[in-house]
C-alpha atoms as a PDB file:
ATOM      1  CA  UNK A   1     -19.920  22.733  11.697  1.00  0.00           C
ATOM      2  CA  UNK A   2     -23.546  22.314  12.448  1.00  0.00           C
ATOM      3  CA  UNK A   3     -25.279  18.856  13.254  1.00  0.00           C
ATOM      4  CA  UNK A   4     -25.947  17.173   9.923  1.00  0.00           C
ATOM      5  CA  UNK A   5     -23.487  18.950   7.944  1.00  0.00           C
ATOM      6  CA  UNK A   6     -20.361  17.228   6.395  1.00  0.00           C
ATOM      7  CA  UNK A   7     -17.222  18.549   5.011  1.00  0.00           C
ATOM      8  CA  UNK A   8     -16.460  17.470   1.460  1.00  0.00           C
ATOM      9  CA  UNK A   9     -12.841  17.476   0.371  1.00  0.00           C
ATOM     10  CA  UNK A  10     -11.734  16.484  -3.219  1.00  0.00           C
ATOM     11  CA  UNK A  11      -8.540  14.966  -4.181  1.00  0.00           C
ATOM     12  CA  UNK A  12      -6.754  18.355  -5.254  1.00  0.00           C
ATOM     13  CA  UNK A  13      -7.501  19.796  -1.717  1.00  0.00           C
ATOM     14  CA  UNK A  14      -6.285  16.656  -0.101  1.00  0.00           C
ATOM     15  CA  UNK A  15      -2.919  16.821  -1.687  1.00  0.00           C
ATOM     16  CA  UNK A  16      -2.412  20.223  -0.045  1.00  0.00           C
ATOM     17  CA  UNK A  17      -3.206  19.169   3.503  1.00  0.00           C
ATOM     18  CA  UNK A  18      -1.090  16.228   4.388  1.00  0.00           C
ATOM     19  CA  UNK A  19       2.754  15.779   3.770  1.00  0.00           C
ATOM     20  CA  UNK A  20       4.801  12.528   2.919  1.00  0.00           C
ATOM     21  CA  UNK A  21       6.480  12.648   6.264  1.00  0.00           C
ATOM     22  CA  UNK A  22       3.332  13.199   8.208  1.00  0.00           C
ATOM     23  CA  UNK A  23       1.623  10.282   6.556  1.00  0.00           C
ATOM     24  CA  UNK A  24       4.623   8.001   7.332  1.00  0.00           C
ATOM     25  CA  UNK A  25       4.432   8.752  11.028  1.00  0.00           C
ATOM     26  CA  UNK A  26       0.647   8.256  10.915  1.00  0.00           C
ATOM     27  CA  UNK A  27       0.580   5.199   9.340  1.00  0.00           C
ATOM     28  CA  UNK A  28       3.567   3.778  11.581  1.00  0.00           C
ATOM     29  CA  UNK A  29       1.355   4.854  14.721  1.00  0.00           C
ATOM     30  CA  UNK A  30      -1.679   3.190  13.096  1.00  0.00           C
ATOM     31  CA  UNK A  31       0.080  -0.048  12.659  1.00  0.00           C
ATOM     32  CA  UNK A  32       1.666   0.003  15.961  1.00  0.00           C
ATOM     33  CA  UNK A  33      -1.664   0.585  17.510  1.00  0.00           C
ATOM     34  CA  UNK A  34      -3.378  -2.261  15.939  1.00  0.00           C
ATOM     35  CA  UNK A  35      -0.627  -4.650  16.839  1.00  0.00           C
ATOM     36  CA  UNK A  36      -1.384  -3.318  20.485  1.00  0.00           C
ATOM     37  CA  UNK A  37      -4.995  -4.041  20.278  1.00  0.00           C
ATOM     38  CA  UNK A  38      -6.026  -0.499  19.991  1.00  0.00           C
ATOM     39  CA  UNK A  39      -8.085  -0.748  16.852  1.00  0.00           C
ATOM     40  CA  UNK A  40     -11.063  -2.875  15.384  1.00  0.00           C
ATOM     41  CA  UNK A  41     -10.329  -3.360  11.760  1.00  0.00           C
ATOM     42  CA  UNK A  42     -12.354  -6.300  10.320  1.00  0.00           C
ATOM     43  CA  UNK A  43     -11.271  -8.132   7.408  1.00  0.00           C
ATOM     44  CA  UNK A  44     -12.407  -6.147   4.198  1.00  0.00           C
ATOM     45  CA  UNK A  45     -15.509  -6.931   2.457  1.00  0.00           C
ATOM     46  CA  UNK A  46     -14.017  -7.996  -0.829  1.00  0.00           C
ATOM     47  CA  UNK A  47     -16.308  -7.870  -4.035  1.00  0.00           C
ATOM     48  CA  UNK A  48     -14.491  -9.048  -7.193  1.00  0.00           C
ATOM     49  CA  UNK A  49     -16.288  -8.535 -10.542  1.00  0.00           C
ATOM     50  CA  UNK A  50     -14.469 -11.246 -12.311  1.00  0.00           C
ATOM     51  CA  UNK A  51     -14.944 -12.641 -14.918  1.00  0.00           C
ATOM     52  CA  UNK A  52     -17.486  -9.697 -16.171  1.00  0.00           C
ATOM     53  CA  UNK A  53     -14.935  -7.052 -15.238  1.00  0.00           C
ATOM     54  CA  UNK A  54     -11.225  -7.097 -14.405  1.00  0.00           C
ATOM     55  CA  UNK A  55     -11.705  -5.275 -11.037  1.00  0.00           C
ATOM     56  CA  UNK A  56     -13.097  -5.483  -7.607  1.00  0.00           C
ATOM     57  CA  UNK A  57     -14.479  -3.335  -4.874  1.00  0.00           C
ATOM     58  CA  UNK A  58     -13.514  -3.358  -1.221  1.00  0.00           C
ATOM     59  CA  UNK A  59     -15.239  -1.951   1.779  1.00  0.00           C
ATOM     60  CA  UNK A  60     -13.175  -1.257   4.857  1.00  0.00           C
ATOM     61  CA  UNK A  61     -14.284   0.014   8.256  1.00  0.00           C
ATOM     62  CA  UNK A  62     -12.355   0.652  11.325  1.00  0.00           C
ATOM     63  CA  UNK A  63     -12.455   2.190  14.824  1.00  0.00           C
ATOM     64  CA  UNK A  64      -9.480   3.310  17.050  1.00  0.00           C
ATOM     65  CA  UNK A  65     -10.376   3.372  20.676  1.00  0.00           C
ATOM     66  CA  UNK A  66      -7.704   5.645  22.024  1.00  0.00           C
ATOM     67  CA  UNK A  67      -8.191   8.418  19.528  1.00  0.00           C
ATOM     68  CA  UNK A  68     -11.988   7.914  19.132  1.00  0.00           C
ATOM     69  CA  UNK A  69     -11.676   7.708  15.297  1.00  0.00           C
ATOM     70  CA  UNK A  70     -14.240   5.927  13.124  1.00  0.00           C
ATOM     71  CA  UNK A  71     -14.468   5.727   9.479  1.00  0.00           C
ATOM     72  CA  UNK A  72     -14.853   3.587   6.429  1.00  0.00           C
ATOM     73  CA  UNK A  73     -12.974   3.548   3.150  1.00  0.00           C
ATOM     74  CA  UNK A  74     -14.431   2.252  -0.264  1.00  0.00           C
ATOM     75  CA  UNK A  75     -11.653   1.510  -2.854  1.00  0.00           C
ATOM     76  CA  UNK A  76     -12.056  -0.054  -6.154  1.00  0.00           C
ATOM     77  CA  UNK A  77      -9.170  -1.502  -8.232  1.00  0.00           C
ATOM     78  CA  UNK A  78      -9.652  -1.834 -12.003  1.00  0.00           C
ATOM     79  CA  UNK A  79      -6.412  -2.687 -13.856  1.00  0.00           C
ATOM     80  CA  UNK A  80      -7.650  -1.774 -17.272  1.00  0.00           C
ATOM     81  CA  UNK A  81      -8.437   1.770 -16.212  1.00  0.00           C
ATOM     82  CA  UNK A  82      -5.448   3.573 -17.275  1.00  0.00           C
ATOM     83  CA  UNK A  83      -5.175   2.062 -20.653  1.00  0.00           C
ATOM     84  CA  UNK A  84      -8.784   2.081 -21.507  1.00  0.00           C
ATOM     85  CA  UNK A  85     -10.296   4.821 -19.792  1.00  0.00           C
ATOM     86  CA  UNK A  86      -7.322   7.019 -18.793  1.00  0.00           C
ATOM     87  CA  UNK A  87      -8.182   7.140 -15.191  1.00  0.00           C
ATOM     88  CA  UNK A  88      -6.392   5.659 -12.158  1.00  0.00           C
ATOM     89  CA  UNK A  89      -6.631   1.949 -11.591  1.00  0.00           C
ATOM     90  CA  UNK A  90      -7.157   2.469  -7.894  1.00  0.00           C
ATOM     91  CA  UNK A  91     -10.115   4.788  -6.979  1.00  0.00           C
ATOM     92  CA  UNK A  92     -11.055   5.491  -3.357  1.00  0.00           C
ATOM     93  CA  UNK A  93     -13.499   7.244  -1.115  1.00  0.00           C
ATOM     94  CA  UNK A  94     -13.403   7.933   2.674  1.00  0.00           C
ATOM     95  CA  UNK A  95     -16.144   8.854   5.094  1.00  0.00           C
ATOM     96  CA  UNK A  96     -15.390   9.838   8.716  1.00  0.00           C
ATOM     97  CA  UNK A  97     -17.990   9.231  11.406  1.00  0.00           C
ATOM     98  CA  UNK A  98     -18.517  10.278  15.058  1.00  0.00           C
ATOM     99  CA  UNK A  99     -18.189   7.211  16.863  1.00  0.00           C
ATOM    100  CA  UNK A 100     -20.529   8.187  19.668  1.00  0.00           C
ATOM    101  CA  UNK A 101     -23.643   8.786  17.162  1.00  0.00           C
ATOM    102  CA  UNK A 102     -22.561   7.239  13.928  1.00  0.00           C
ATOM    103  CA  UNK A 103     -23.177  10.603  12.205  1.00  0.00           C
ATOM    104  CA  UNK A 104     -20.845  11.256   9.370  1.00  0.00           C
ATOM    105  CA  UNK A 105     -18.908  14.558   9.261  1.00  0.00           C
ATOM    106  CA  UNK A 106     -16.690  14.152   6.524  1.00  0.00           C
ATOM    107  CA  UNK A 107     -16.665  12.738   2.937  1.00  0.00           C
ATOM    108  CA  UNK A 108     -13.336  12.882   0.898  1.00  0.00           C
ATOM    109  CA  UNK A 109     -11.586  11.486  -2.156  1.00  0.00           C
ATOM    110  CA  UNK A 110      -9.619   8.580  -0.987  1.00  0.00           C
ATOM    111  CA  UNK A 111      -7.424   7.930  -4.306  1.00  0.00           C
ATOM    112  CA  UNK A 112      -4.437  10.073  -3.201  1.00  0.00           C
ATOM    113  CA  UNK A 113      -4.746   8.941   0.406  1.00  0.00           C
ATOM    114  CA  UNK A 114      -4.711   5.189  -0.747  1.00  0.00           C
ATOM    115  CA  UNK A 115      -1.678   5.946  -2.872  1.00  0.00           C
ATOM    116  CA  UNK A 116       0.281   7.779  -0.327  1.00  0.00           C
ATOM    117  CA  UNK A 117      -0.639   5.646   2.743  1.00  0.00           C
ATOM    118  CA  UNK A 118       0.267   2.347   0.489  1.00  0.00           C
ATOM    119  CA  UNK A 119       3.673   3.856  -0.177  1.00  0.00           C
ATOM    120  CA  UNK A 120       3.979   4.695   3.663  1.00  0.00           C
ATOM    121  CA  UNK A 121       3.516   0.958   4.331  1.00  0.00           C
ATOM    122  CA  UNK A 122       6.305   0.305   1.905  1.00  0.00           C
ATOM    123  CA  UNK A 123       8.650   2.719   3.412  1.00  0.00           C
ATOM    124  CA  UNK A 124       7.727   1.595   6.910  1.00  0.00           C
ATOM    125  CA  UNK A 125       8.472  -2.109   5.884  1.00  0.00           C
ATOM    126  CA  UNK A 126      11.793  -1.201   4.539  1.00  0.00           C
ATOM    127  CA  UNK A 127      12.635   0.744   7.655  1.00  0.00           C
ATOM    128  CA  UNK A 128      11.995  -2.232   9.693  1.00  0.00           C
ATOM    129  CA  UNK A 129      12.869  -5.288   7.382  1.00  0.00           C
ATOM    130  CA  UNK A 130      15.468  -4.222   4.881  1.00  0.00           C
ATOM    131  CA  UNK A 131      19.237  -4.315   5.774  1.00  0.00           C
ATOM    132  CA  UNK A 132      20.371  -1.022   7.252  1.00  0.00           C
ATOM    133  CA  UNK A 133      23.054  -0.625   4.638  1.00  0.00           C
ATOM    134  CA  UNK A 134      20.751  -0.907   1.760  1.00  0.00           C
ATOM    135  CA  UNK A 135      22.034   1.156  -1.254  1.00  0.00           C
ATOM    136  CA  UNK A 136      19.938  -0.078  -4.323  1.00  0.00           C
ATOM    137  CA  UNK A 137      16.091  -0.044  -4.746  1.00  0.00           C
ATOM    138  CA  UNK A 138      14.449  -1.525  -7.618  1.00  0.00           C
ATOM    139  CA  UNK A 139      10.795  -0.416  -8.404  1.00  0.00           C
ATOM    140  CA  UNK A 140       8.873  -2.599 -10.798  1.00  0.00           C
ATOM    141  CA  UNK A 141       5.673  -0.654 -11.914  1.00  0.00           C
ATOM    142  CA  UNK A 142       5.939   3.023 -12.659  1.00  0.00           C
ATOM    143  CA  UNK A 143       2.456   3.919 -11.842  1.00  0.00           C
ATOM    144  CA  UNK A 144       1.128   5.894  -8.929  1.00  0.00           C
ATOM    145  CA  UNK A 145       1.928   3.346  -6.270  1.00  0.00           C
ATOM    146  CA  UNK A 146       5.258   2.587  -7.620  1.00  0.00           C
ATOM    147  CA  UNK A 147       5.915   6.514  -7.278  1.00  0.00           C
ATOM    148  CA  UNK A 148       4.736   6.943  -3.656  1.00  0.00           C
ATOM    149  CA  UNK A 149       6.343   3.536  -2.602  1.00  0.00           C
ATOM    150  CA  UNK A 150       9.820   4.855  -4.038  1.00  0.00           C
ATOM    151  CA  UNK A 151       9.247   8.014  -2.236  1.00  0.00           C
ATOM    152  CA  UNK A 152       8.521   6.736   1.088  1.00  0.00           C
ATOM    153  CA  UNK A 153      11.372   4.160   0.920  1.00  0.00           C
ATOM    154  CA  UNK A 154      13.828   7.125   0.132  1.00  0.00           C
ATOM    155  CA  UNK A 155      12.437   9.071   3.034  1.00  0.00           C
ATOM    156  CA  UNK A 156      12.700   5.943   5.425  1.00  0.00           C
ATOM    157  CA  UNK A 157      16.238   4.730   4.000  1.00  0.00           C
ATOM    158  CA  UNK A 158      18.507   7.520   3.813  1.00  0.00           C
ATOM    159  CA  UNK A 159      21.352   5.277   2.588  1.00  0.00           C
ATOM    160  CA  UNK A 160      19.784   4.544  -0.848  1.00  0.00           C
ATOM    161  CA  UNK A 161      21.926   5.740  -3.840  1.00  0.00           C
ATOM    162  CA  UNK A 162      20.422   4.108  -6.742  1.00  0.00           C
ATOM    163  CA  UNK A 163      16.836   3.392  -7.917  1.00  0.00           C
ATOM    164  CA  UNK A 164      16.110   1.101 -10.732  1.00  0.00           C
ATOM    165  CA  UNK A 165      12.849   1.401 -12.490  1.00  0.00           C
ATOM    166  CA  UNK A 166      11.412  -1.470 -14.333  1.00  0.00           C
ATOM    167  CA  UNK A 167       8.063  -0.958 -16.477  1.00  0.00           C
ATOM    168  CA  UNK A 168       6.766  -2.116 -19.871  1.00  0.00           C
ATOM    169  CA  UNK A 169       6.195   1.403 -21.012  1.00  0.00           C
ATOM    170  CA  UNK A 170       9.318   3.548 -21.353  1.00  0.00           C
ATOM    171  CA  UNK A 171       7.198   6.592 -21.247  1.00  0.00           C
ATOM    172  CA  UNK A 172       6.122   5.794 -17.565  1.00  0.00           C
ATOM    173  CA  UNK A 173       9.769   5.146 -16.418  1.00  0.00           C
ATOM    174  CA  UNK A 174      10.815   8.590 -17.776  1.00  0.00           C
ATOM    175  CA  UNK A 175       7.804  10.074 -16.269  1.00  0.00           C
ATOM    176  CA  UNK A 176       8.496   8.593 -12.769  1.00  0.00           C
ATOM    177  CA  UNK A 177      12.079   9.559 -12.969  1.00  0.00           C
ATOM    178  CA  UNK A 178      11.407  13.035 -13.905  1.00  0.00           C
ATOM    179  CA  UNK A 179       9.083  13.603 -11.071  1.00  0.00           C
ATOM    180  CA  UNK A 180      11.362  11.823  -8.452  1.00  0.00           C
ATOM    181  CA  UNK A 181      14.354  14.043  -9.346  1.00  0.00           C
ATOM    182  CA  UNK A 182      12.323  17.029  -8.242  1.00  0.00           C
ATOM    183  CA  UNK A 183      12.358  15.752  -4.698  1.00  0.00           C
ATOM    184  CA  UNK A 184      15.325  13.447  -4.803  1.00  0.00           C
ATOM    185  CA  UNK A 185      18.055  15.091  -7.222  1.00  0.00           C
ATOM    186  CA  UNK A 186      20.935  13.291  -5.875  1.00  0.00           C
ATOM    187  CA  UNK A 187      19.865   9.600  -6.260  1.00  0.00           C
ATOM    188  CA  UNK A 188      20.997   7.875  -9.555  1.00  0.00           C
ATOM    189  CA  UNK A 189      18.147   6.509 -11.564  1.00  0.00           C
ATOM    190  CA  UNK A 190      18.511   3.551 -14.085  1.00  0.00           C
ATOM    191  CA  UNK A 191      15.736   2.127 -16.516  1.00  0.00           C
ATOM    192  CA  UNK A 192      15.598  -1.570 -16.899  1.00  0.00           C
ATOM    193  CA  UNK A 193      13.862  -3.747 -19.409  1.00  0.00           C
ATOM    194  CA  UNK A 194      14.772  -7.002 -17.992  1.00  0.00           C
ATOM    195  CA  UNK A 195      13.547  -7.981 -14.337  1.00  0.00           C
ATOM    196  CA  UNK A 196      16.273 -10.458 -13.575  1.00  0.00           C
ATOM    197  CA  UNK A 197      19.028  -8.043 -14.420  1.00  0.00           C
ATOM    198  CA  UNK A 198      17.357  -5.267 -12.391  1.00  0.00           C
ATOM    199  CA  UNK A 199      16.955  -7.772  -9.277  1.00  0.00           C
ATOM    200  CA  UNK A 200      20.674  -8.707  -9.317  1.00  0.00           C
ATOM    201  CA  UNK A 201      22.248  -6.510  -6.854  1.00  0.00           C
ATOM    202  CA  UNK A 202      19.253  -4.755  -5.403  1.00  0.00           C
ATOM    203  CA  UNK A 203      18.872  -4.659  -1.912  1.00  0.00           C
ATOM    204  CA  UNK A 204      15.127  -3.695  -1.753  1.00  0.00           C
ATOM    205  CA  UNK A 205      12.677  -4.609  -4.391  1.00  0.00           C
ATOM    206  CA  UNK A 206       9.156  -3.033  -4.594  1.00  0.00           C
ATOM    207  CA  UNK A 207       6.594  -4.684  -6.735  1.00  0.00           C
ATOM    208  CA  UNK A 208       3.774  -2.330  -7.600  1.00  0.00           C
ATOM    209  CA  UNK A 209       1.982  -3.481 -10.863  1.00  0.00           C
ATOM    210  CA  UNK A 210      -1.305  -4.780 -11.945  1.00  0.00           C
ATOM    211  CA  UNK A 211       0.199  -7.744 -13.625  1.00  0.00           C
ATOM    212  CA  UNK A 212      -1.902 -10.983 -13.708  1.00  0.00           C
ATOM    213  CA  UNK A 213       1.058 -13.218 -13.426  1.00  0.00           C
ATOM    214  CA  UNK A 214       3.748 -13.772 -10.715  1.00  0.00           C
ATOM    215  CA  UNK A 215       6.843 -11.288 -11.132  1.00  0.00           C
ATOM    216  CA  UNK A 216       8.900 -13.441  -8.874  1.00  0.00           C
ATOM    217  CA  UNK A 217       8.432 -17.020  -9.932  1.00  0.00           C
ATOM    218  CA  UNK A 218      11.369 -18.400 -11.762  1.00  0.00           C
ATOM    219  CA  UNK A 219      13.626 -15.273 -10.997  1.00  0.00           C
ATOM    220  CA  UNK A 220      16.719 -15.513  -8.683  1.00  0.00           C
ATOM    221  CA  UNK A 221      16.620 -13.077  -5.647  1.00  0.00           C
ATOM    222  CA  UNK A 222      20.028 -12.446  -4.030  1.00  0.00           C
ATOM    223  CA  UNK A 223      20.596 -13.224  -0.226  1.00  0.00           C
ATOM    224  CA  UNK A 224      19.775 -10.339   2.229  1.00  0.00           C
ATOM    225  CA  UNK A 225      17.144  -8.914  -0.398  1.00  0.00           C
ATOM    226  CA  UNK A 226      13.893  -7.508   1.060  1.00  0.00           C
ATOM    227  CA  UNK A 227      11.029  -7.839  -1.554  1.00  0.00           C
ATOM    228  CA  UNK A 228       7.914  -5.609  -0.862  1.00  0.00           C
ATOM    229  CA  UNK A 229       4.778  -6.537  -2.628  1.00  0.00           C
ATOM    230  CA  UNK A 230       2.273  -3.832  -3.241  1.00  0.00           C
ATOM    231  CA  UNK A 231       0.548  -6.090  -5.761  1.00  0.00           C
ATOM    232  CA  UNK A 232       1.855  -9.440  -6.731  1.00  0.00           C
ATOM    233  CA  UNK A 233       0.365 -12.890  -7.508  1.00  0.00           C
ATOM    234  CA  UNK A 234       1.974 -14.852  -4.503  1.00  0.00           C
ATOM    235  CA  UNK A 235       2.261 -18.540  -4.576  1.00  0.00           C
ATOM    236  CA  UNK A 236       3.163 -21.118  -2.099  1.00  0.00           C
ATOM    237  CA  UNK A 237       6.373 -21.787  -4.278  1.00  0.00           C
ATOM    238  CA  UNK A 238       7.368 -18.116  -4.299  1.00  0.00           C
ATOM    239  CA  UNK A 239       6.822 -17.816  -0.445  1.00  0.00           C
ATOM    240  CA  UNK A 240       8.708 -20.847   0.331  1.00  0.00           C
ATOM    241  CA  UNK A 241      11.690 -19.597  -1.583  1.00  0.00           C
ATOM    242  CA  UNK A 242      12.087 -16.963   0.973  1.00  0.00           C
ATOM    243  CA  UNK A 243      13.306 -17.209   4.709  1.00  0.00           C
ATOM    244  CA  UNK A 244      10.400 -14.952   6.027  1.00  0.00           C
ATOM    245  CA  UNK A 245       7.084 -13.643   4.959  1.00  0.00           C
ATOM    246  CA  UNK A 246       5.729 -10.677   6.820  1.00  0.00           C
ATOM    247  CA  UNK A 247       2.352  -9.188   6.157  1.00  0.00           C
ATOM    248  CA  UNK A 248       0.026  -6.374   7.444  1.00  0.00           C
ATOM    249  CA  UNK A 249      -3.119  -8.099   8.084  1.00  0.00           C
ATOM    250  CA  UNK A 250      -3.059 -12.039   8.177  1.00  0.00           C
ATOM    251  CA  UNK A 251      -6.551 -12.982   7.562  1.00  0.00           C
ATOM    252  CA  UNK A 252      -7.124 -10.478   4.859  1.00  0.00           C
ATOM    253  CA  UNK A 253      -4.139 -11.380   3.046  1.00  0.00           C
ATOM    254  CA  UNK A 254      -4.851 -15.015   2.854  1.00  0.00           C
ATOM    255  CA  UNK A 255      -8.306 -14.269   1.769  1.00  0.00           C
ATOM    256  CA  UNK A 256      -7.151 -11.765  -0.864  1.00  0.00           C
ATOM    257  CA  UNK A 257      -4.277 -13.534  -2.334  1.00  0.00           C
ATOM    258  CA  UNK A 258      -6.178 -16.855  -2.573  1.00  0.00           C
ATOM    259  CA  UNK A 259      -8.824 -15.114  -4.282  1.00  0.00           C
ATOM    260  CA  UNK A 260      -6.689 -13.447  -6.864  1.00  0.00           C
ATOM    261  CA  UNK A 261      -4.592 -16.557  -7.260  1.00  0.00           C
ATOM    262  CA  UNK A 262      -7.679 -18.795  -7.917  1.00  0.00           C
ATOM    263  CA  UNK A 263      -8.811 -16.257 -10.672  1.00  0.00           C
ATOM    264  CA  UNK A 264      -5.368 -16.251 -12.310  1.00  0.00           C
ATOM    265  CA  UNK A 265      -5.187 -19.898 -12.286  1.00  0.00           C
ATOM    266  CA  UNK A 266      -8.687 -20.433 -13.669  1.00  0.00           C
ATOM    267  CA  UNK A 267      -7.761 -18.165 -16.674  1.00  0.00           C
ATOM    268  CA  UNK A 268      -4.641 -20.053 -17.401  1.00  0.00           C
ATOM    269  CA  UNK A 269      -6.443 -23.428 -16.815  1.00  0.00           C
ATOM    270  CA  UNK A 270      -4.090 -24.483 -14.045  1.00  0.00           C
ATOM    271  CA  UNK A 271      -4.804 -25.949 -10.328  1.00  0.00           C
ATOM    272  CA  UNK A 272      -4.257 -23.561  -7.714  1.00  0.00           C
ATOM    273  CA  UNK A 273      -2.416 -24.331  -4.578  1.00  0.00           C
ATOM    274  CA  UNK A 274      -3.707 -22.336  -1.525  1.00  0.00           C
ATOM    275  CA  UNK A 275      -1.869 -20.040   0.666  1.00  0.00           C
ATOM    276  CA  UNK A 276      -2.182 -20.593   4.417  1.00  0.00           C
ATOM    277  CA  UNK A 277      -1.577 -18.841   7.501  1.00  0.00           C
ATOM    278  CA  UNK A 278       1.021 -21.318   8.735  1.00  0.00           C
ATOM    279  CA  UNK A 279       3.345 -19.874   5.778  1.00  0.00           C
ATOM    280  CA  UNK A 280       3.373 -16.286   7.551  1.00  0.00           C
ATOM    281  CA  UNK A 281       6.028 -15.429   9.882  1.00  0.00           C
ATOM    282  CA  UNK A 282       4.206 -12.415  11.378  1.00  0.00           C
ATOM    283  CA  UNK A 283       2.718  -8.984  10.911  1.00  0.00           C
ATOM    284  CA  UNK A 284       4.532  -5.707  10.251  1.00  0.00           C
ATOM    285  CA  UNK A 285       2.684  -4.011  13.286  1.00  0.00           C
ATOM    286  CA  UNK A 286       4.194  -6.763  15.487  1.00  0.00           C
ATOM    287  CA  UNK A 287       7.544  -5.938  14.055  1.00  0.00           C
ATOM    288  CA  UNK A 288       7.317  -2.241  14.869  1.00  0.00           C
ATOM    289  CA  UNK A 289       6.409  -2.879  18.540  1.00  0.00           C
ATOM    290  CA  UNK A 290       9.091  -5.560  18.894  1.00  0.00           C
ATOM    291  CA  UNK A 291       6.885  -8.557  19.198  1.00  0.00           C
ATOM    292  CA  UNK A 292       8.086 -10.192  16.124  1.00  0.00           C
ATOM    293  CA  UNK A 293      11.561 -10.276  14.251  1.00  0.00           C
ATOM    294  CA  UNK A 294      11.397  -8.789  10.806  1.00  0.00           C
ATOM    295  CA  UNK A 295      15.014  -9.741   9.805  1.00  0.00           C
ATOM    296  CA  UNK A 296      16.944 -12.474  11.917  1.00  0.00           C
ATOM    297  CA  UNK A 297      20.260 -11.765   9.917  1.00  0.00           C
ATOM    298  CA  UNK A 298      21.869 -10.032   6.933  1.00  0.00           C
ATOM    299  CA  UNK A 299      21.681 -13.125   4.666  1.00  0.00           C
ATOM    300  CA  UNK A 300      17.922 -13.811   4.946  1.00  0.00           C
ATOM    301  CA  UNK A 301      15.682 -13.269   1.955  1.00  0.00           C
ATOM    302  CA  UNK A 302      12.676 -11.393   3.441  1.00  0.00           C
ATOM    303  CA  UNK A 303       9.274 -10.892   1.394  1.00  0.00           C
ATOM    304  CA  UNK A 304       6.510  -8.693   2.553  1.00  0.00           C
ATOM    305  CA  UNK A 305       2.947  -8.484   1.241  1.00  0.00           C
ATOM    306  CA  UNK A 306       0.330  -5.818   2.259  1.00  0.00           C
ATOM    307  CA  UNK A 307      -3.280  -5.562   1.350  1.00  0.00           C
ATOM    308  CA  UNK A 308      -4.019  -2.399   3.036  1.00  0.00           C
ATOM    309  CA  UNK A 309      -6.106  -1.702   6.292  1.00  0.00           C
ATOM    310  CA  UNK A 310      -8.639   0.774   6.781  1.00  0.00           C
ATOM    311  CA  UNK A 311      -7.026   2.303   9.959  1.00  0.00           C
ATOM    312  CA  UNK A 312      -4.201   3.514   7.854  1.00  0.00           C
ATOM    313  CA  UNK A 313      -6.385   5.595   5.560  1.00  0.00           C
ATOM    314  CA  UNK A 314      -8.711   6.568   7.981  1.00  0.00           C
ATOM    315  CA  UNK A 315      -6.102   8.057  10.335  1.00  0.00           C
ATOM    316  CA  UNK A 316      -4.626  10.144   7.255  1.00  0.00           C
ATOM    317  CA  UNK A 317      -8.098  11.155   6.313  1.00  0.00           C
ATOM    318  CA  UNK A 318      -8.721  12.708  10.013  1.00  0.00           C
ATOM    319  CA  UNK A 319      -5.492  14.676   9.649  1.00  0.00           C
ATOM    320  CA  UNK A 320      -6.504  16.027   6.362  1.00  0.00           C
ATOM    321  CA  UNK A 321      -9.867  17.006   7.883  1.00  0.00           C
ATOM    322  CA  UNK A 322      -8.356  18.817  10.824  1.00  0.00           C
ATOM    323  CA  UNK A 323      -5.995  20.785   8.535  1.00  0.00           C
ATOM    324  CA  UNK A 324      -8.962  21.594   6.254  1.00  0.00           C
ATOM    325  CA  UNK A 325     -10.875  22.959   8.942  1.00  0.00           C
ATOM    326  CA  UNK A 326      -7.926  24.952  10.308  1.00  0.00           C
ATOM    327  CA  UNK A 327      -7.267  26.335   6.833  1.00  0.00           C
ATOM    328  CA  UNK A 328     -10.913  26.725   5.810  1.00  0.00           C
ATOM    329  CA  UNK A 329     -10.503  24.211   2.866  1.00  0.00           C
ATOM    330  CA  UNK A 330     -13.281  22.249   1.267  1.00  0.00           C
ATOM    331  CA  UNK A 331     -16.885  22.618   0.941  1.00  0.00           C
ATOM    332  CA  UNK A 332     -19.577  22.230   3.767  1.00  0.00           C
ATOM    333  CA  UNK A 333     -22.555  20.494   2.698  1.00  0.00           C
ATOM    334  CA  UNK A 334     -25.960  20.021   4.484  1.00  0.00           C
ATOM    335  CA  UNK A 335     -26.274  16.152   4.488  1.00  0.00           C
ATOM    336  CA  UNK A 336     -28.512  14.824   7.218  1.00  0.00           C
ATOM    337  CA  UNK A 337     -31.825  16.175   8.114  1.00  0.00           C
ATOM    338  CA  UNK A 338     -31.260  16.022  12.106  1.00  0.00           C
END
């Protein structure tokens, strides 16, 4: 492309440019690189619109030194979007920049990349923290992130035989299972309405809902279970009921979960107890490179919480860009007057 031109890629095009297996490898590379100090990934700028709107907007820049990769992701999360406006709860945009000049060279939809890279983090977390003999996976929330999380866990944990799907909407459960069977036909799929019944006997539990209340507080979790939170209201009481708490990005997790927790407590008229860094056992990147233990024994109850990192989305975005250039996909737009 000429100077000042950008490649525009829409969501439909991006889905044809990267595979699930490729995203798993890319995100694991990004997390390991961050743990080794190869990436600059500031705490995301989190702009909540509470109480006027039930949503927020995040701005997430990053730079990976070894691969000379720079970009920024903007992502919004509005829990009422699906029911009220029939659009996804999570919407994203990614811009890639030449780090030596700051000139942007690609603008693309970031919604699918956000969904699939979030699922990849779940799959990677299961790979490094769940028991190797895990057979039963429970997914709470049958939306887009529940789907990609399930997909990535099944790709990472080949021993899973049964998937339990919990959602307040039966049609969502059936839709997820129908889609999952296309790729994983040999898995046993079971729908549950009762969370506690679904939790019992589960080896891995993934929480992927927009619920405003904790899905774990007051529930019994079996010994040896790994709980992976894509979205969850975590409280000190919940965290302390587990033997180990692993996160993706310590500073951002504390800021984000406390912001959401304060809002939820305010709605209910309750006092909020802050989460602290001291409660965290380590980061998943450090587990990948062997710096931190993800699971010490088969009996530990382990919980993970991820808020997402720019480097995860940006590394996938560049792979999509490179594939698009190779296949002549997308629209080249005159952008900068330079």
